[in-house]
Amino acid sequence: MSEKIHYKQFTEEEDSTYKRSIEIIRSNISNGVKFDLACEFITVDDRELKGLIIDDALKIEIAELHYGKRIPLRDVAKKLGVPMERLLQANTEMMEDVVKTSEEVAGKQSGKGHATH
């Protein structure tokens, strides 16, 4: 049951690109730009990295707007211009990440997964 989450290990350059891109997307959204259009403002050659950035940016917006500001998901979907299906899928993935991460932390804290002699 304990499927480990494997996060992409970023190089310094990728980390910088990631952070800068998230800032650009979020800044555009805060200026009223819809999500997909806001994502077009980033220039990332690595398709995998660009996909991660876009996925994470959507999850950040959901976390901030829905969980932080208590805005209903339907209103978040309208604000971002994202179909409700896509928003729900991103929300589900985010919740699964939280559960898996908490299970890993709990396992480490209880000593599971460590070899004993």
N, C-alpha and C. Protein backbone atom coordinates (compact mmCIF):
# COMPACT_ATOMS: atom_id res chain seq x y z
N MET A 1 0.81 -1.19 0.00
CA MET A 1 0.00 0.00 0.00
C MET A 1 0.85 1.26 0.00
N SER A 2 2.03 1.20 0.60
CA SER A 2 2.85 2.42 0.69
C SER A 2 3.67 2.61 -0.58
N GLU A 3 3.05 3.25 -1.53
CA GLU A 3 3.71 3.57 -2.80
C GLU A 3 4.48 4.87 -2.58
N LYS A 4 5.79 4.82 -2.75
CA LYS A 4 6.61 5.99 -2.48
C LYS A 4 6.44 7.03 -3.58
N ILE A 5 6.44 8.28 -3.17
CA ILE A 5 6.38 9.38 -4.13
C ILE A 5 7.81 9.70 -4.52
N HIS A 6 8.03 9.81 -5.80
CA HIS A 6 9.36 10.17 -6.28
C HIS A 6 9.28 11.54 -6.92
N TYR A 7 9.85 12.50 -6.24
CA TYR A 7 9.84 13.86 -6.76
C TYR A 7 11.03 14.02 -7.69
N LYS A 8 10.83 14.81 -8.72
CA LYS A 8 11.91 15.08 -9.67
C LYS A 8 12.99 15.87 -8.95
N GLN A 9 14.22 15.42 -9.08
CA GLN A 9 15.34 16.15 -8.51
C GLN A 9 15.75 17.23 -9.50
N PHE A 10 15.61 18.46 -9.11
CA PHE A 10 15.93 19.58 -9.99
C PHE A 10 17.40 19.95 -9.91
N THR A 11 17.95 20.32 -11.06
CA THR A 11 19.27 20.97 -11.06
C THR A 11 19.02 22.40 -10.58
N GLU A 12 20.08 23.14 -10.28
CA GLU A 12 19.90 24.53 -9.87
C GLU A 12 19.17 25.33 -10.93
N GLU A 13 19.54 25.09 -12.19
CA GLU A 13 18.91 25.81 -13.29
C GLU A 13 17.43 25.47 -13.40
N GLU A 14 17.09 24.18 -13.28
CA GLU A 14 15.68 23.77 -13.33
C GLU A 14 14.89 24.36 -12.17
N ASP A 15 15.51 24.37 -10.98
CA ASP A 15 14.86 24.92 -9.80
C ASP A 15 14.56 26.40 -10.01
N SER A 16 15.52 27.11 -10.56
CA SER A 16 15.35 28.53 -10.84
C SER A 16 14.24 28.74 -11.87
N THR A 17 14.25 27.94 -12.93
CA THR A 17 13.22 28.02 -13.97
C THR A 17 11.84 27.71 -13.38
N TYR A 18 11.77 26.69 -12.53
CA TYR A 18 10.53 26.30 -11.89
C TYR A 18 9.96 27.47 -11.08
N LYS A 19 10.78 28.01 -10.19
CA LYS A 19 10.32 29.09 -9.31
C LYS A 19 9.91 30.32 -10.12
N ARG A 20 10.71 30.69 -11.10
CA ARG A 20 10.41 31.86 -11.93
C ARG A 20 9.11 31.65 -12.69
N SER A 21 8.93 30.46 -13.24
CA SER A 21 7.73 30.15 -14.02
C SER A 21 6.47 30.18 -13.16
N ILE A 22 6.55 29.61 -11.96
CA ILE A 22 5.40 29.63 -11.04
C ILE A 22 5.05 31.08 -10.72
N GLU A 23 6.06 31.91 -10.47
CA GLU A 23 5.82 33.33 -10.18
C GLU A 23 5.12 34.03 -11.34
N ILE A 24 5.58 33.75 -12.56
CA ILE A 24 4.99 34.37 -13.75
C ILE A 24 3.53 33.97 -13.89
N ILE A 25 3.25 32.69 -13.75
CA ILE A 25 1.87 32.20 -13.87
C ILE A 25 0.99 32.84 -12.81
N ARG A 26 1.45 32.82 -11.57
CA ARG A 26 0.64 33.36 -10.47
C ARG A 26 0.44 34.86 -10.59
N SER A 27 1.46 35.56 -11.05
CA SER A 27 1.35 37.00 -11.25
C SER A 27 0.31 37.32 -12.31
N ASN A 28 0.33 36.58 -13.41
CA ASN A 28 -0.65 36.79 -14.46
C ASN A 28 -2.06 36.50 -13.98
N ILE A 29 -2.22 35.43 -13.22
CA ILE A 29 -3.54 35.08 -12.68
C ILE A 29 -4.04 36.19 -11.76
N SER A 30 -3.14 36.71 -10.93
CA SER A 30 -3.56 37.77 -10.01
C SER A 30 -3.94 39.05 -10.76
N ASN A 31 -3.48 39.17 -12.00
CA ASN A 31 -3.86 40.30 -12.84
C ASN A 31 -5.08 40.00 -13.71
N GLY A 32 -5.76 38.89 -13.41
CA GLY A 32 -7.01 38.57 -14.09
C GLY A 32 -6.89 37.69 -15.33
N VAL A 33 -5.67 37.22 -15.63
CA VAL A 33 -5.47 36.35 -16.79
C VAL A 33 -5.94 34.94 -16.43
N LYS A 34 -6.65 34.29 -17.34
CA LYS A 34 -7.11 32.92 -17.11
C LYS A 34 -5.90 31.97 -17.08
N PHE A 35 -6.07 30.84 -16.41
CA PHE A 35 -4.96 29.92 -16.14
C PHE A 35 -4.18 29.50 -17.38
N ASP A 36 -4.85 28.95 -18.39
CA ASP A 36 -4.12 28.45 -19.56
C ASP A 36 -3.35 29.55 -20.29
N LEU A 37 -3.94 30.74 -20.37
CA LEU A 37 -3.25 31.86 -21.00
C LEU A 37 -2.05 32.28 -20.15
N ALA A 38 -2.22 32.28 -18.83
CA ALA A 38 -1.12 32.63 -17.93
C ALA A 38 0.06 31.67 -18.12
N CYS A 39 -0.24 30.41 -18.41
CA CYS A 39 0.81 29.40 -18.62
C CYS A 39 1.56 29.63 -19.93
N GLU A 40 0.93 30.29 -20.87
CA GLU A 40 1.59 30.55 -22.15
C GLU A 40 2.71 31.58 -22.03
N PHE A 41 2.75 32.31 -20.93
CA PHE A 41 3.77 33.33 -20.73
C PHE A 41 5.12 32.75 -20.30
N ILE A 42 5.13 31.46 -19.94
CA ILE A 42 6.41 30.86 -19.53
C ILE A 42 7.08 30.21 -20.74
N THR A 43 8.40 30.27 -20.74
CA THR A 43 9.16 29.63 -21.81
C THR A 43 10.07 28.59 -21.17
N VAL A 44 9.67 27.33 -21.32
CA VAL A 44 10.42 26.22 -20.75
C VAL A 44 10.56 25.18 -21.86
N ASP A 45 11.80 24.91 -22.26
CA ASP A 45 12.04 23.97 -23.35
C ASP A 45 11.78 22.52 -22.97
N ASP A 46 12.10 22.16 -21.73
CA ASP A 46 11.94 20.80 -21.24
C ASP A 46 10.44 20.53 -21.02
N ARG A 47 9.86 19.67 -21.85
CA ARG A 47 8.41 19.42 -21.80
C ARG A 47 7.98 18.81 -20.47
N GLU A 48 8.81 17.91 -19.92
CA GLU A 48 8.47 17.29 -18.63
C GLU A 48 8.44 18.35 -17.53
N LEU A 49 9.45 19.21 -17.50
CA LEU A 49 9.52 20.27 -16.50
C LEU A 49 8.35 21.23 -16.66
N LYS A 50 8.05 21.60 -17.89
CA LYS A 50 6.93 22.52 -18.15
C LYS A 50 5.62 21.90 -17.66
N GLY A 51 5.42 20.62 -17.90
CA GLY A 51 4.22 19.93 -17.43
C GLY A 51 4.12 19.95 -15.91
N LEU A 52 5.24 19.70 -15.24
CA LEU A 52 5.26 19.73 -13.77
C LEU A 52 4.92 21.12 -13.25
N ILE A 53 5.49 22.13 -13.89
CA ILE A 53 5.24 23.52 -13.48
C ILE A 53 3.75 23.84 -13.60
N ILE A 54 3.17 23.51 -14.74
CA ILE A 54 1.75 23.81 -14.97
C ILE A 54 0.87 23.04 -13.98
N ASP A 55 1.15 21.76 -13.78
CA ASP A 55 0.39 20.96 -12.81
C ASP A 55 0.49 21.56 -11.41
N ASP A 56 1.71 21.90 -11.01
CA ASP A 56 1.91 22.45 -9.67
C ASP A 56 1.26 23.82 -9.52
N ALA A 57 1.34 24.64 -10.56
CA ALA A 57 0.74 25.98 -10.50
C ALA A 57 -0.77 25.86 -10.27
N LEU A 58 -1.40 24.91 -10.94
CA LEU A 58 -2.84 24.72 -10.77
C LEU A 58 -3.14 24.25 -9.34
N LYS A 59 -2.33 23.34 -8.83
CA LYS A 59 -2.53 22.85 -7.46
C LYS A 59 -2.32 23.97 -6.44
N ILE A 60 -1.34 24.83 -6.69
CA ILE A 60 -1.09 25.97 -5.79
C ILE A 60 -2.30 26.89 -5.77
N GLU A 61 -2.85 27.15 -6.95
CA GLU A 61 -4.03 28.02 -7.03
C GLU A 61 -5.21 27.40 -6.29
N ILE A 62 -5.42 26.10 -6.46
CA ILE A 62 -6.51 25.41 -5.76
C ILE A 62 -6.29 25.51 -4.25
N ALA A 63 -5.07 25.23 -3.81
CA ALA A 63 -4.77 25.27 -2.38
C ALA A 63 -5.02 26.66 -1.81
N GLU A 64 -4.56 27.67 -2.52
CA GLU A 64 -4.70 29.04 -2.02
C GLU A 64 -6.15 29.52 -2.06
N LEU A 65 -6.81 29.33 -3.19
CA LEU A 65 -8.16 29.86 -3.36
C LEU A 65 -9.21 29.03 -2.64
N HIS A 66 -9.16 27.72 -2.80
CA HIS A 66 -10.20 26.87 -2.21
C HIS A 66 -9.94 26.59 -0.73
N TYR A 67 -8.76 26.10 -0.43
CA TYR A 67 -8.48 25.72 0.96
C TYR A 67 -8.07 26.91 1.81
N GLY A 68 -7.36 27.86 1.21
CA GLY A 68 -6.92 29.04 1.97
C GLY A 68 -8.02 30.07 2.13
N LYS A 69 -8.66 30.44 1.02
CA LYS A 69 -9.66 31.50 1.05
C LYS A 69 -11.09 30.97 1.08
N ARG A 70 -11.25 29.64 1.10
CA ARG A 70 -12.56 28.99 1.20
C ARG A 70 -13.49 29.34 0.03
N ILE A 71 -12.93 29.55 -1.14
CA ILE A 71 -13.73 29.81 -2.34
C ILE A 71 -14.17 28.45 -2.89
N PRO A 72 -15.47 28.28 -3.14
CA PRO A 72 -15.95 26.99 -3.67
C PRO A 72 -15.22 26.62 -4.97
N LEU A 73 -14.99 25.32 -5.16
CA LEU A 73 -14.26 24.85 -6.35
C LEU A 73 -14.90 25.33 -7.65
N ARG A 74 -16.21 25.37 -7.70
CA ARG A 74 -16.89 25.83 -8.92
C ARG A 74 -16.49 27.28 -9.23
N ASP A 75 -16.38 28.11 -8.21
CA ASP A 75 -15.97 29.50 -8.41
C ASP A 75 -14.49 29.60 -8.78
N VAL A 76 -13.68 28.71 -8.22
CA VAL A 76 -12.26 28.67 -8.57
C VAL A 76 -12.12 28.31 -10.05
N ALA A 77 -12.90 27.33 -10.49
CA ALA A 77 -12.88 26.92 -11.90
C ALA A 77 -13.23 28.11 -12.80
N LYS A 78 -14.24 28.86 -12.43
CA LYS A 78 -14.65 30.04 -13.22
C LYS A 78 -13.56 31.09 -13.23
N LYS A 79 -13.01 31.39 -12.06
CA LYS A 79 -11.96 32.41 -11.96
C LYS A 79 -10.76 32.06 -12.82
N LEU A 80 -10.36 30.78 -12.79
CA LEU A 80 -9.18 30.35 -13.54
C LEU A 80 -9.49 30.03 -15.00
N GLY A 81 -10.76 29.88 -15.32
CA GLY A 81 -11.15 29.51 -16.68
C GLY A 81 -10.77 28.08 -17.01
N VAL A 82 -10.84 27.23 -15.98
CA VAL A 82 -10.46 25.83 -16.11
C VAL A 82 -11.72 24.97 -15.98
N PRO A 83 -11.89 23.97 -16.84
CA PRO A 83 -13.06 23.10 -16.71
C PRO A 83 -13.09 22.43 -15.33
N MET A 84 -14.27 22.28 -14.79
CA MET A 84 -14.44 21.68 -13.46
C MET A 84 -13.79 20.30 -13.38
N GLU A 85 -13.90 19.51 -14.45
CA GLU A 85 -13.28 18.17 -14.49
C GLU A 85 -11.78 18.25 -14.21
N ARG A 86 -11.12 19.17 -14.90
CA ARG A 86 -9.66 19.33 -14.75
C ARG A 86 -9.32 19.78 -13.33
N LEU A 87 -10.12 20.70 -12.80
CA LEU A 87 -9.87 21.19 -11.45
C LEU A 87 -10.04 20.07 -10.43
N LEU A 88 -11.07 19.27 -10.60
CA LEU A 88 -11.31 18.15 -9.67
C LEU A 88 -10.19 17.12 -9.75
N GLN A 89 -9.70 16.85 -10.96
CA GLN A 89 -8.60 15.90 -11.11
C GLN A 89 -7.34 16.42 -10.41
N ALA A 90 -7.02 17.69 -10.61
CA ALA A 90 -5.84 18.28 -9.96
C ALA A 90 -6.01 18.25 -8.44
N ASN A 91 -7.21 18.53 -7.96
CA ASN A 91 -7.48 18.51 -6.53
C ASN A 91 -7.30 17.11 -5.97
N THR A 92 -7.80 16.11 -6.69
CA THR A 92 -7.66 14.71 -6.25
C THR A 92 -6.19 14.32 -6.20
N GLU A 93 -5.43 14.67 -7.24
CA GLU A 93 -3.99 14.36 -7.26
C GLU A 93 -3.29 15.02 -6.07
N MET A 94 -3.66 16.25 -5.79
CA MET A 94 -3.05 16.98 -4.68
C MET A 94 -3.35 16.28 -3.35
N MET A 95 -4.58 15.84 -3.17
CA MET A 95 -4.96 15.14 -1.94
C MET A 95 -4.23 13.81 -1.82
N GLU A 96 -4.08 13.09 -2.94
CA GLU A 96 -3.34 11.83 -2.93
C GLU A 96 -1.88 12.07 -2.55
N ASP A 97 -1.29 13.14 -3.07
CA ASP A 97 0.09 13.49 -2.71
C ASP A 97 0.22 13.75 -1.22
N VAL A 98 -0.76 14.44 -0.65
CA VAL A 98 -0.74 14.75 0.78
C VAL A 98 -0.80 13.46 1.59
N VAL A 99 -1.70 12.56 1.22
CA VAL A 99 -1.85 11.29 1.94
C VAL A 99 -0.57 10.47 1.84
N LYS A 100 -0.02 10.32 0.63
CA LYS A 100 1.20 9.53 0.44
C LYS A 100 2.37 10.12 1.22
N THR A 101 2.49 11.44 1.17
CA THR A 101 3.58 12.10 1.89
C THR A 101 3.43 11.89 3.39
N SER A 102 2.20 12.02 3.91
CA SER A 102 2.01 11.84 5.35
C SER A 102 2.27 10.40 5.76
N GLU A 103 1.92 9.44 4.88
CA GLU A 103 2.22 8.03 5.18
C GLU A 103 3.72 7.79 5.22
N GLU A 104 4.45 8.40 4.28
CA GLU A 104 5.91 8.25 4.27
C GLU A 104 6.53 8.85 5.52
N VAL A 105 6.06 10.03 5.92
CA VAL A 105 6.59 10.68 7.12
C VAL A 105 6.28 9.84 8.35
N ALA A 106 5.05 9.35 8.44
CA ALA A 106 4.67 8.50 9.58
C ALA A 106 5.51 7.23 9.61
N GLY A 107 5.76 6.65 8.45
CA GLY A 107 6.59 5.44 8.37
C GLY A 107 8.01 5.69 8.84
N LYS A 108 8.57 6.83 8.44
CA LYS A 108 9.93 7.17 8.86
C LYS A 108 9.98 7.43 10.36
N GLN A 109 8.95 8.11 10.87
CA GLN A 109 8.93 8.43 12.29
C GLN A 109 8.75 7.19 13.17
N SER A 110 8.05 6.18 12.65
CA SER A 110 7.84 4.97 13.43
C SER A 110 8.95 3.95 13.22
N GLY A 111 9.89 4.28 12.34
CA GLY A 111 11.03 3.38 12.10
C GLY A 111 10.79 2.36 11.03
N LYS A 112 9.62 2.38 10.39
CA LYS A 112 9.35 1.43 9.31
C LYS A 112 10.22 1.75 8.11
N GLY A 113 10.60 0.74 7.42
CA GLY A 113 11.40 0.97 6.22
C GLY A 113 12.90 1.00 6.50
N HIS A 114 13.25 0.99 7.75
CA HIS A 114 14.67 0.99 8.10
C HIS A 114 15.10 -0.43 8.43
N ALA A 115 16.25 -0.81 7.95
CA ALA A 115 16.76 -2.16 8.23
C ALA A 115 17.16 -2.24 9.69
N THR A 116 16.82 -3.36 10.31
CA THR A 116 17.22 -3.56 11.70
C THR A 116 18.18 -4.74 11.76
N HIS A 117 19.12 -4.64 12.64
CA HIS A 117 20.13 -5.70 12.76
C HIS A 117 19.94 -6.50 14.01
